[in-house]
PDB file of N, CA and C in Angstrom:
ATOM      1  N   MET A   1      35.337  22.541  29.653  1.00  0.00           N
ATOM      2  CA  MET A   1      34.713  23.539  28.834  1.00  0.00           C
ATOM      3  C   MET A   1      35.558  23.775  27.599  1.00  0.00           C
ATOM      4  N   LYS A   2      34.914  24.152  26.536  1.00  0.00           N
ATOM      5  CA  LYS A   2      35.622  24.499  25.313  1.00  0.00           C
ATOM      6  C   LYS A   2      35.057  25.801  24.797  1.00  0.00           C
ATOM      7  N   PHE A   3      35.920  26.606  24.258  1.00  0.00           N
ATOM      8  CA  PHE A   3      35.506  27.831  23.593  1.00  0.00           C
ATOM      9  C   PHE A   3      35.919  27.693  22.136  1.00  0.00           C
ATOM     10  N   TYR A   4      34.991  27.883  21.217  1.00  0.00           N
ATOM     11  CA  TYR A   4      35.337  27.928  19.810  1.00  0.00           C
ATOM     12  C   TYR A   4      35.147  29.359  19.341  1.00  0.00           C
ATOM     13  N   ILE A   5      36.204  29.971  18.906  1.00  0.00           N
ATOM     14  CA  ILE A   5      36.145  31.345  18.450  1.00  0.00           C
ATOM     15  C   ILE A   5      36.792  31.406  17.083  1.00  0.00           C
ATOM     16  N   LYS A   6      35.996  31.634  16.063  1.00  0.00           N
ATOM     17  CA  LYS A   6      36.496  31.626  14.690  1.00  0.00           C
ATOM     18  C   LYS A   6      37.400  30.412  14.522  1.00  0.00           C
ATOM     19  N   ASP A   7      38.722  30.629  14.419  1.00  0.00           N
ATOM     20  CA  ASP A   7      39.617  29.501  14.213  1.00  0.00           C
ATOM     21  C   ASP A   7      40.410  29.148  15.468  1.00  0.00           C
ATOM     22  N   LEU A   8      39.932  29.596  16.629  1.00  0.00           N
ATOM     23  CA  LEU A   8      40.640  29.302  17.875  1.00  0.00           C
ATOM     24  C   LEU A   8      39.823  28.369  18.753  1.00  0.00           C
ATOM     25  N   LEU A   9      40.511  27.589  19.541  1.00  0.00           N
ATOM     26  CA  LEU A   9      39.871  26.705  20.503  1.00  0.00           C
ATOM     27  C   LEU A   9      40.530  26.924  21.852  1.00  0.00           C
ATOM     28  N   ILE A  10      39.737  27.168  22.878  1.00  0.00           N
ATOM     29  CA  ILE A  10      40.263  27.253  24.240  1.00  0.00           C
ATOM     30  C   ILE A  10      39.716  26.057  25.003  1.00  0.00           C
ATOM     31  N   ARG A  11      40.596  25.323  25.623  1.00  0.00           N
ATOM     32  CA  ARG A  11      40.165  24.245  26.509  1.00  0.00           C
ATOM     33  C   ARG A  11      40.464  24.675  27.927  1.00  0.00           C
ATOM     34  N   THR A  12      39.499  24.507  28.783  1.00  0.00           N
ATOM     35  CA  THR A  12      39.687  24.939  30.158  1.00  0.00           C
ATOM     36  C   THR A  12      39.482  23.767  31.099  1.00  0.00           C
ATOM     37  N   LYS A  13      40.144  23.822  32.220  1.00  0.00           N
ATOM     38  CA  LYS A  13      40.020  22.770  33.228  1.00  0.00           C
ATOM     39  C   LYS A  13      39.854  23.423  34.586  1.00  0.00           C
ATOM     40  N   ILE A  14      38.854  22.995  35.297  1.00  0.00           N
ATOM     41  CA  ILE A  14      38.609  23.479  36.647  1.00  0.00           C
ATOM     42  C   ILE A  14      39.315  22.538  37.614  1.00  0.00           C
ATOM     43  N   GLY A  15      39.789  23.086  38.727  1.00  0.00           N
ATOM     44  CA  GLY A  15      40.405  22.261  39.764  1.00  0.00           C
ATOM     45  C   GLY A  15      39.424  21.223  40.295  1.00  0.00           C
ATOM     46  N   ASP A  16      39.680  20.661  41.409  1.00  0.00           N
ATOM     47  CA  ASP A  16      38.925  19.561  42.007  1.00  0.00           C
ATOM     48  C   ASP A  16      37.427  19.863  42.059  1.00  0.00           C
ATOM     49  N   LYS A  17      36.646  19.184  41.219  1.00  0.00           N
ATOM     50  CA  LYS A  17      35.202  19.427  41.169  1.00  0.00           C
ATOM     51  C   LYS A  17      34.449  18.688  42.273  1.00  0.00           C
ATOM     52  N   GLU A  18      35.123  17.824  43.010  1.00  0.00           N
ATOM     53  CA  GLU A  18      34.446  17.069  44.051  1.00  0.00           C
ATOM     54  C   GLU A  18      34.141  17.935  45.274  1.00  0.00           C
ATOM     55  N   MET A  19      34.898  18.985  45.485  1.00  0.00           N
ATOM     56  CA  MET A  19      34.705  19.819  46.656  1.00  0.00           C
ATOM     57  C   MET A  19      33.668  20.901  46.360  1.00  0.00           C
ATOM     58  N   LYS A  20      32.808  21.174  47.324  1.00  0.00           N
ATOM     59  CA  LYS A  20      31.781  22.194  47.142  1.00  0.00           C
ATOM     60  C   LYS A  20      32.367  23.597  47.224  1.00  0.00           C
ATOM     61  N   LYS A  21      33.285  23.815  48.167  1.00  0.00           N
ATOM     62  CA  LYS A  21      33.875  25.142  48.313  1.00  0.00           C
ATOM     63  C   LYS A  21      35.287  24.978  48.848  1.00  0.00           C
ATOM     64  N   GLN A  22      36.253  25.444  48.091  1.00  0.00           N
ATOM     65  CA  GLN A  22      37.648  25.385  48.507  1.00  0.00           C
ATOM     66  C   GLN A  22      38.436  26.358  47.650  1.00  0.00           C
ATOM     67  N   ALA A  23      39.737  26.427  47.883  1.00  0.00           N
ATOM     68  CA  ALA A  23      40.582  27.293  47.060  1.00  0.00           C
ATOM     69  C   ALA A  23      40.692  26.661  45.678  1.00  0.00           C
ATOM     70  N   LEU A  24      40.159  27.324  44.691  1.00  0.00           N
ATOM     71  CA  LEU A  24      40.149  26.796  43.330  1.00  0.00           C
ATOM     72  C   LEU A  24      40.978  27.674  42.404  1.00  0.00           C
ATOM     73  N   ALA A  25      41.449  27.057  41.347  1.00  0.00           N
ATOM     74  CA  ALA A  25      42.149  27.774  40.281  1.00  0.00           C
ATOM     75  C   ALA A  25      41.543  27.329  38.962  1.00  0.00           C
ATOM     76  N   THR A  26      41.559  28.202  37.985  1.00  0.00           N
ATOM     77  CA  THR A  26      41.079  27.864  36.652  1.00  0.00           C
ATOM     78  C   THR A  26      42.186  28.168  35.657  1.00  0.00           C
ATOM     79  N   GLY A  27      42.035  27.646  34.472  1.00  0.00           N
ATOM     80  CA  GLY A  27      43.020  27.929  33.442  1.00  0.00           C
ATOM     81  C   GLY A  27      42.597  27.343  32.116  1.00  0.00           C
ATOM     82  N   GLY A  28      43.233  27.801  31.072  1.00  0.00           N
ATOM     83  CA  GLY A  28      42.898  27.315  29.742  1.00  0.00           C
ATOM     84  C   GLY A  28      44.045  27.488  28.778  1.00  0.00           C
ATOM     85  N   ILE A  29      43.870  26.889  27.630  1.00  0.00           N
ATOM     86  CA  ILE A  29      44.849  26.965  26.547  1.00  0.00           C
ATOM     87  C   ILE A  29      44.109  27.397  25.291  1.00  0.00           C
ATOM     88  N   VAL A  30      44.647  28.365  24.586  1.00  0.00           N
ATOM     89  CA  VAL A  30      44.081  28.798  23.308  1.00  0.00           C
ATOM     90  C   VAL A  30      44.898  28.145  22.203  1.00  0.00           C
ATOM     91  N   ARG A  31      44.200  27.480  21.303  1.00  0.00           N
ATOM     92  CA  ARG A  31      44.851  26.837  20.155  1.00  0.00           C
ATOM     93  C   ARG A  31      44.163  27.288  18.874  1.00  0.00           C
ATOM     94  N   ASN A  32      44.886  27.249  17.770  1.00  0.00           N
ATOM     95  CA  ASN A  32      44.260  27.589  16.491  1.00  0.00           C
ATOM     96  C   ASN A  32      43.547  26.367  15.925  1.00  0.00           C
ATOM     97  N   HIS A  33      42.994  26.490  14.737  1.00  0.00           N
ATOM     98  CA  HIS A  33      42.215  25.408  14.143  1.00  0.00           C
ATOM     99  C   HIS A  33      43.057  24.173  13.841  1.00  0.00           C
ATOM    100  N   ASN A  34      44.381  24.305  13.817  1.00  0.00           N
ATOM    101  CA  ASN A  34      45.271  23.160  13.606  1.00  0.00           C
ATOM    102  C   ASN A  34      45.732  22.543  14.918  1.00  0.00           C
ATOM    103  N   GLY A  35      45.248  23.056  16.035  1.00  0.00           N
ATOM    104  CA  GLY A  35      45.636  22.535  17.335  1.00  0.00           C
ATOM    105  C   GLY A  35      46.948  23.089  17.857  1.00  0.00           C
ATOM    106  N   GLU A  36      47.484  24.103  17.203  1.00  0.00           N
ATOM    107  CA  GLU A  36      48.753  24.696  17.620  1.00  0.00           C
ATOM    108  C   GLU A  36      48.513  25.700  18.746  1.00  0.00           C
ATOM    109  N   TRP A  37      49.400  25.652  19.765  1.00  0.00           N
ATOM    110  CA  TRP A  37      49.284  26.510  20.933  1.00  0.00           C
ATOM    111  C   TRP A  37      49.422  27.978  20.551  1.00  0.00           C
ATOM    112  N   ILE A  38      48.550  28.826  21.129  1.00  0.00           N
ATOM    113  CA  ILE A  38      48.646  30.274  20.937  1.00  0.00           C
ATOM    114  C   ILE A  38      48.972  30.949  22.268  1.00  0.00           C
ATOM    115  N   ILE A  39      48.192  30.670  23.300  1.00  0.00           N
ATOM    116  CA  ILE A  39      48.416  31.279  24.613  1.00  0.00           C
ATOM    117  C   ILE A  39      47.769  30.404  25.689  1.00  0.00           C
ATOM    118  N   SER A  40      48.306  30.479  26.886  1.00  0.00           N
ATOM    119  CA  SER A  40      47.725  29.813  28.057  1.00  0.00           C
ATOM    120  C   SER A  40      47.393  30.878  29.093  1.00  0.00           C
ATOM    121  N   TYR A  41      46.462  30.566  29.971  1.00  0.00           N
ATOM    122  CA  TYR A  41      46.129  31.496  31.039  1.00  0.00           C
ATOM    123  C   TYR A  41      45.684  30.721  32.271  1.00  0.00           C
ATOM    124  N   ASN A  42      45.773  31.363  33.432  1.00  0.00           N
ATOM    125  CA  ASN A  42      45.269  30.760  34.665  1.00  0.00           C
ATOM    126  C   ASN A  42      44.956  31.854  35.667  1.00  0.00           C
ATOM    127  N   ARG A  43      44.195  31.480  36.680  1.00  0.00           N
ATOM    128  CA  ARG A  43      43.818  32.422  37.734  1.00  0.00           C
ATOM    129  C   ARG A  43      43.586  31.624  39.019  1.00  0.00           C
ATOM    130  N   LEU A  44      44.189  32.090  40.113  1.00  0.00           N
ATOM    131  CA  LEU A  44      43.894  31.541  41.431  1.00  0.00           C
ATOM    132  C   LEU A  44      42.695  32.301  41.970  1.00  0.00           C
ATOM    133  N   LEU A  45      41.626  31.582  42.245  1.00  0.00           N
ATOM    134  CA  LEU A  45      40.381  32.225  42.662  1.00  0.00           C
ATOM    135  C   LEU A  45      40.224  32.312  44.172  1.00  0.00           C
ATOM    136  N   GLY A  46      40.922  31.499  44.903  1.00  0.00           N
ATOM    137  CA  GLY A  46      40.719  31.462  46.344  1.00  0.00           C
ATOM    138  C   GLY A  46      39.511  30.607  46.672  1.00  0.00           C
ATOM    139  N   SER A  47      38.851  30.908  47.768  1.00  0.00           N
ATOM    140  CA  SER A  47      37.717  30.112  48.215  1.00  0.00           C
ATOM    141  C   SER A  47      36.457  30.531  47.465  1.00  0.00           C
ATOM    142  N   CYS A  48      35.902  29.600  46.714  1.00  0.00           N
ATOM    143  CA  CYS A  48      34.665  29.867  45.985  1.00  0.00           C
ATOM    144  C   CYS A  48      34.030  28.542  45.603  1.00  0.00           C
ATOM    145  N   SER A  49      32.835  28.609  45.092  1.00  0.00           N
ATOM    146  CA  SER A  49      32.149  27.398  44.644  1.00  0.00           C
ATOM    147  C   SER A  49      32.659  26.999  43.268  1.00  0.00           C
ATOM    148  N   VAL A  50      32.448  25.747  42.921  1.00  0.00           N
ATOM    149  CA  VAL A  50      32.821  25.271  41.590  1.00  0.00           C
ATOM    150  C   VAL A  50      32.023  26.031  40.529  1.00  0.00           C
ATOM    151  N   PHE A  51      30.761  26.316  40.814  1.00  0.00           N
ATOM    152  CA  PHE A  51      29.921  27.090  39.902  1.00  0.00           C
ATOM    153  C   PHE A  51      30.556  28.445  39.600  1.00  0.00           C
ATOM    154  N   ASP A  52      30.971  29.171  40.654  1.00  0.00           N
ATOM    155  CA  ASP A  52      31.621  30.466  40.455  1.00  0.00           C
ATOM    156  C   ASP A  52      32.922  30.321  39.677  1.00  0.00           C
ATOM    157  N   ALA A  53      33.679  29.266  39.961  1.00  0.00           N
ATOM    158  CA  ALA A  53      34.945  29.040  39.260  1.00  0.00           C
ATOM    159  C   ALA A  53      34.709  28.835  37.767  1.00  0.00           C
ATOM    160  N   GLU A  54      33.664  28.100  37.427  1.00  0.00           N
ATOM    161  CA  GLU A  54      33.370  27.880  36.008  1.00  0.00           C
ATOM    162  C   GLU A  54      32.987  29.184  35.318  1.00  0.00           C
ATOM    163  N   LEU A  55      32.217  30.021  35.987  1.00  0.00           N
ATOM    164  CA  LEU A  55      31.863  31.315  35.391  1.00  0.00           C
ATOM    165  C   LEU A  55      33.090  32.209  35.233  1.00  0.00           C
ATOM    166  N   TRP A  56      33.984  32.235  36.240  1.00  0.00           N
ATOM    167  CA  TRP A  56      35.217  33.015  36.125  1.00  0.00           C
ATOM    168  C   TRP A  56      36.068  32.502  34.970  1.00  0.00           C
ATOM    169  N   ASP A  57      36.101  31.196  34.806  1.00  0.00           N
ATOM    170  CA  ASP A  57      36.895  30.595  33.736  1.00  0.00           C
ATOM    171  C   ASP A  57      36.399  31.062  32.367  1.00  0.00           C
ATOM    172  N   ILE A  58      35.098  31.049  32.189  1.00  0.00           N
ATOM    173  CA  ILE A  58      34.515  31.512  30.930  1.00  0.00           C
ATOM    174  C   ILE A  58      34.806  32.997  30.724  1.00  0.00           C
ATOM    175  N   LEU A  59      34.631  33.794  31.767  1.00  0.00           N
ATOM    176  CA  LEU A  59      34.891  35.232  31.669  1.00  0.00           C
ATOM    177  C   LEU A  59      36.343  35.514  31.292  1.00  0.00           C
ATOM    178  N   ASP A  60      37.280  34.824  31.934  1.00  0.00           N
ATOM    179  CA  ASP A  60      38.700  35.031  31.615  1.00  0.00           C
ATOM    180  C   ASP A  60      39.009  34.669  30.167  1.00  0.00           C
ATOM    181  N   GLY A  61      38.509  33.525  29.725  1.00  0.00           N
ATOM    182  CA  GLY A  61      38.750  33.105  28.340  1.00  0.00           C
ATOM    183  C   GLY A  61      38.160  34.076  27.334  1.00  0.00           C
ATOM    184  N   LEU A  62      36.949  34.530  27.598  1.00  0.00           N
ATOM    185  CA  LEU A  62      36.315  35.494  26.692  1.00  0.00           C
ATOM    186  C   LEU A  62      37.059  36.819  26.676  1.00  0.00           C
ATOM    187  N   GLY A  63      37.533  37.262  27.835  1.00  0.00           N
ATOM    188  CA  GLY A  63      38.290  38.517  27.900  1.00  0.00           C
ATOM    189  C   GLY A  63      39.540  38.473  27.041  1.00  0.00           C
ATOM    190  N   ILE A  64      40.256  37.370  27.102  1.00  0.00           N
ATOM    191  CA  ILE A  64      41.462  37.208  26.284  1.00  0.00           C
ATOM    192  C   ILE A  64      41.110  37.251  24.804  1.00  0.00           C
ATOM    193  N   LEU A  65      40.038  36.574  24.432  1.00  0.00           N
ATOM    194  CA  LEU A  65      39.656  36.527  23.020  1.00  0.00           C
ATOM    195  C   LEU A  65      39.142  37.870  22.517  1.00  0.00           C
ATOM    196  N   ILE A  66      38.369  38.557  23.324  1.00  0.00           N
ATOM    197  CA  ILE A  66      37.881  39.881  22.926  1.00  0.00           C
ATOM    198  C   ILE A  66      39.050  40.835  22.743  1.00  0.00           C
ATOM    199  N   ASP A  67      40.007  40.802  23.687  1.00  0.00           N
ATOM    200  CA  ASP A  67      41.205  41.643  23.556  1.00  0.00           C
ATOM    201  C   ASP A  67      41.986  41.305  22.292  1.00  0.00           C
ATOM    202  N   GLY A  68      41.895  40.053  21.851  1.00  0.00           N
ATOM    203  CA  GLY A  68      42.586  39.623  20.634  1.00  0.00           C
ATOM    204  C   GLY A  68      41.800  39.904  19.363  1.00  0.00           C
ATOM    205  N   GLY A  69      40.604  40.483  19.492  1.00  0.00           N
ATOM    206  CA  GLY A  69      39.828  40.856  18.320  1.00  0.00           C
ATOM    207  C   GLY A  69      38.882  39.784  17.806  1.00  0.00           C
ATOM    208  N   TYR A  70      38.668  38.729  18.576  1.00  0.00           N
ATOM    209  CA  TYR A  70      37.749  37.673  18.154  1.00  0.00           C
ATOM    210  C   TYR A  70      36.371  37.964  18.715  1.00  0.00           C
ATOM    211  N   ASP A  71      35.344  37.952  17.845  1.00  0.00           N
ATOM    212  CA  ASP A  71      34.015  38.334  18.306  1.00  0.00           C
ATOM    213  C   ASP A  71      32.924  37.319  17.992  1.00  0.00           C
ATOM    214  N   HIS A  72      33.230  36.209  17.373  1.00  0.00           N
ATOM    215  CA  HIS A  72      32.254  35.148  17.126  1.00  0.00           C
ATOM    216  C   HIS A  72      32.582  34.000  18.069  1.00  0.00           C
ATOM    217  N   VAL A  73      31.694  33.772  19.045  1.00  0.00           N
ATOM    218  CA  VAL A  73      32.014  32.841  20.122  1.00  0.00           C
ATOM    219  C   VAL A  73      30.913  31.801  20.277  1.00  0.00           C
ATOM    220  N   ARG A  74      31.313  30.567  20.451  1.00  0.00           N
ATOM    221  CA  ARG A  74      30.402  29.496  20.855  1.00  0.00           C
ATOM    222  C   ARG A  74      31.031  28.842  22.070  1.00  0.00           C
ATOM    223  N   ILE A  75      30.299  28.772  23.165  1.00  0.00           N
ATOM    224  CA  ILE A  75      30.814  28.202  24.409  1.00  0.00           C
ATOM    225  C   ILE A  75      30.158  26.847  24.629  1.00  0.00           C
ATOM    226  N   GLN A  76      30.962  25.856  24.952  1.00  0.00           N
ATOM    227  CA  GLN A  76      30.456  24.555  25.372  1.00  0.00           C
ATOM    228  C   GLN A  76      30.856  24.365  26.824  1.00  0.00           C
ATOM    229  N   ALA A  77      29.875  24.203  27.698  1.00  0.00           N
ATOM    230  CA  ALA A  77      30.149  24.006  29.123  1.00  0.00           C
ATOM    231  C   ALA A  77      29.623  22.643  29.549  1.00  0.00           C
ATOM    232  N   ASP A  78      30.336  22.003  30.462  1.00  0.00           N
ATOM    233  CA  ASP A  78      29.893  20.699  30.946  1.00  0.00           C
ATOM    234  C   ASP A  78      28.957  20.811  32.148  1.00  0.00           C
ATOM    235  N   SER A  79      28.561  22.018  32.498  1.00  0.00           N
ATOM    236  CA  SER A  79      27.647  22.250  33.610  1.00  0.00           C
ATOM    237  C   SER A  79      26.343  22.828  33.071  1.00  0.00           C
ATOM    238  N   LEU A  80      25.268  22.087  33.236  1.00  0.00           N
ATOM    239  CA  LEU A  80      23.964  22.562  32.777  1.00  0.00           C
ATOM    240  C   LEU A  80      23.568  23.842  33.507  1.00  0.00           C
ATOM    241  N   GLU A  81      23.895  23.919  34.800  1.00  0.00           N
ATOM    242  CA  GLU A  81      23.574  25.110  35.590  1.00  0.00           C
ATOM    243  C   GLU A  81      24.280  26.347  35.032  1.00  0.00           C
ATOM    244  N   VAL A  82      25.550  26.224  34.685  1.00  0.00           N
ATOM    245  CA  VAL A  82      26.307  27.343  34.105  1.00  0.00           C
ATOM    246  C   VAL A  82      25.716  27.726  32.754  1.00  0.00           C
ATOM    247  N   ALA A  83      25.410  26.742  31.930  1.00  0.00           N
ATOM    248  CA  ALA A  83      24.836  27.010  30.608  1.00  0.00           C
ATOM    249  C   ALA A  83      23.507  27.756  30.731  1.00  0.00           C
ATOM    250  N   LYS A  84      22.681  27.361  31.692  1.00  0.00           N
ATOM    251  CA  LYS A  84      21.390  28.031  31.877  1.00  0.00           C
ATOM    252  C   LYS A  84      21.564  29.488  32.304  1.00  0.00           C
ATOM    253  N   VAL A  85      22.507  29.753  33.207  1.00  0.00           N
ATOM    254  CA  VAL A  85      22.743  31.131  33.659  1.00  0.00           C
ATOM    255  C   VAL A  85      23.218  31.995  32.498  1.00  0.00           C
ATOM    256  N   ILE A  86      24.098  31.464  31.669  1.00  0.00           N
ATOM    257  CA  ILE A  86      24.590  32.226  30.515  1.00  0.00           C
ATOM    258  C   ILE A  86      23.451  32.508  29.545  1.00  0.00           C
ATOM    259  N   GLN A  87      22.603  31.510  29.291  1.00  0.00           N
ATOM    260  CA  GLN A  87      21.466  31.716  28.391  1.00  0.00           C
ATOM    261  C   GLN A  87      20.499  32.748  28.957  1.00  0.00           C
ATOM    262  N   LYS A  88      20.230  32.685  30.263  1.00  0.00           N
ATOM    263  CA  LYS A  88      19.334  33.666  30.887  1.00  0.00           C
ATOM    264  C   LYS A  88      19.913  35.071  30.807  1.00  0.00           C
ATOM    265  N   SER A  89      21.213  35.203  31.047  1.00  0.00           N
ATOM    266  CA  SER A  89      21.820  36.539  31.002  1.00  0.00           C
ATOM    267  C   SER A  89      21.790  37.098  29.584  1.00  0.00           C
ATOM    268  N   HIS A  90      21.899  36.231  28.591  1.00  0.00           N
ATOM    269  CA  HIS A  90      21.826  36.672  27.196  1.00  0.00           C
ATOM    270  C   HIS A  90      20.435  37.224  26.886  1.00  0.00           C
ATOM    271  N   ARG A  91      19.414  36.621  27.493  1.00  0.00           N
ATOM    272  CA  ARG A  91      18.034  37.080  27.284  1.00  0.00           C
ATOM    273  C   ARG A  91      17.656  38.208  28.234  1.00  0.00           C
ATOM    274  N   GLY A  92      18.540  38.529  29.193  1.00  0.00           N
ATOM    275  CA  GLY A  92      18.243  39.586  30.152  1.00  0.00           C
ATOM    276  C   GLY A  92      17.328  39.146  31.271  1.00  0.00           C
ATOM    277  N   ASP A  93      17.217  37.830  31.510  1.00  0.00           N
ATOM    278  CA  ASP A  93      16.303  37.282  32.509  1.00  0.00           C
ATOM    279  C   ASP A  93      17.100  36.583  33.607  1.00  0.00           C
ATOM    280  N   LEU A  94      17.651  37.357  34.554  1.00  0.00           N
ATOM    281  CA  LEU A  94      18.463  36.774  35.623  1.00  0.00           C
ATOM    282  C   LEU A  94      17.693  36.590  36.923  1.00  0.00           C
ATOM    283  N   THR A  95      16.370  36.604  36.873  1.00  0.00           N
ATOM    284  CA  THR A  95      15.586  36.426  38.096  1.00  0.00           C
ATOM    285  C   THR A  95      15.420  34.978  38.432  1.00  0.00           C
TER     286      THR A  95
END
């Protein structure tokens, strides 16, 4: 996944995607438009699905950026299912 926020880029990596449910961790790196490191983050999630881990990863990255005052966000996710849920929640249609 990648987050583009104004002049920042966050790259995130999910743990082993082959397992359906196991102890997963997420994390990312925030870089500026020149690729220079700004901050890193991670979270041990425990037992959860890869889908849940990807959503937690996005939430953590967005929280860091919002706290930093960045409010223009474009998210690129490699999971169509995650992208659809985010689009539905934006429209208020989570049924």
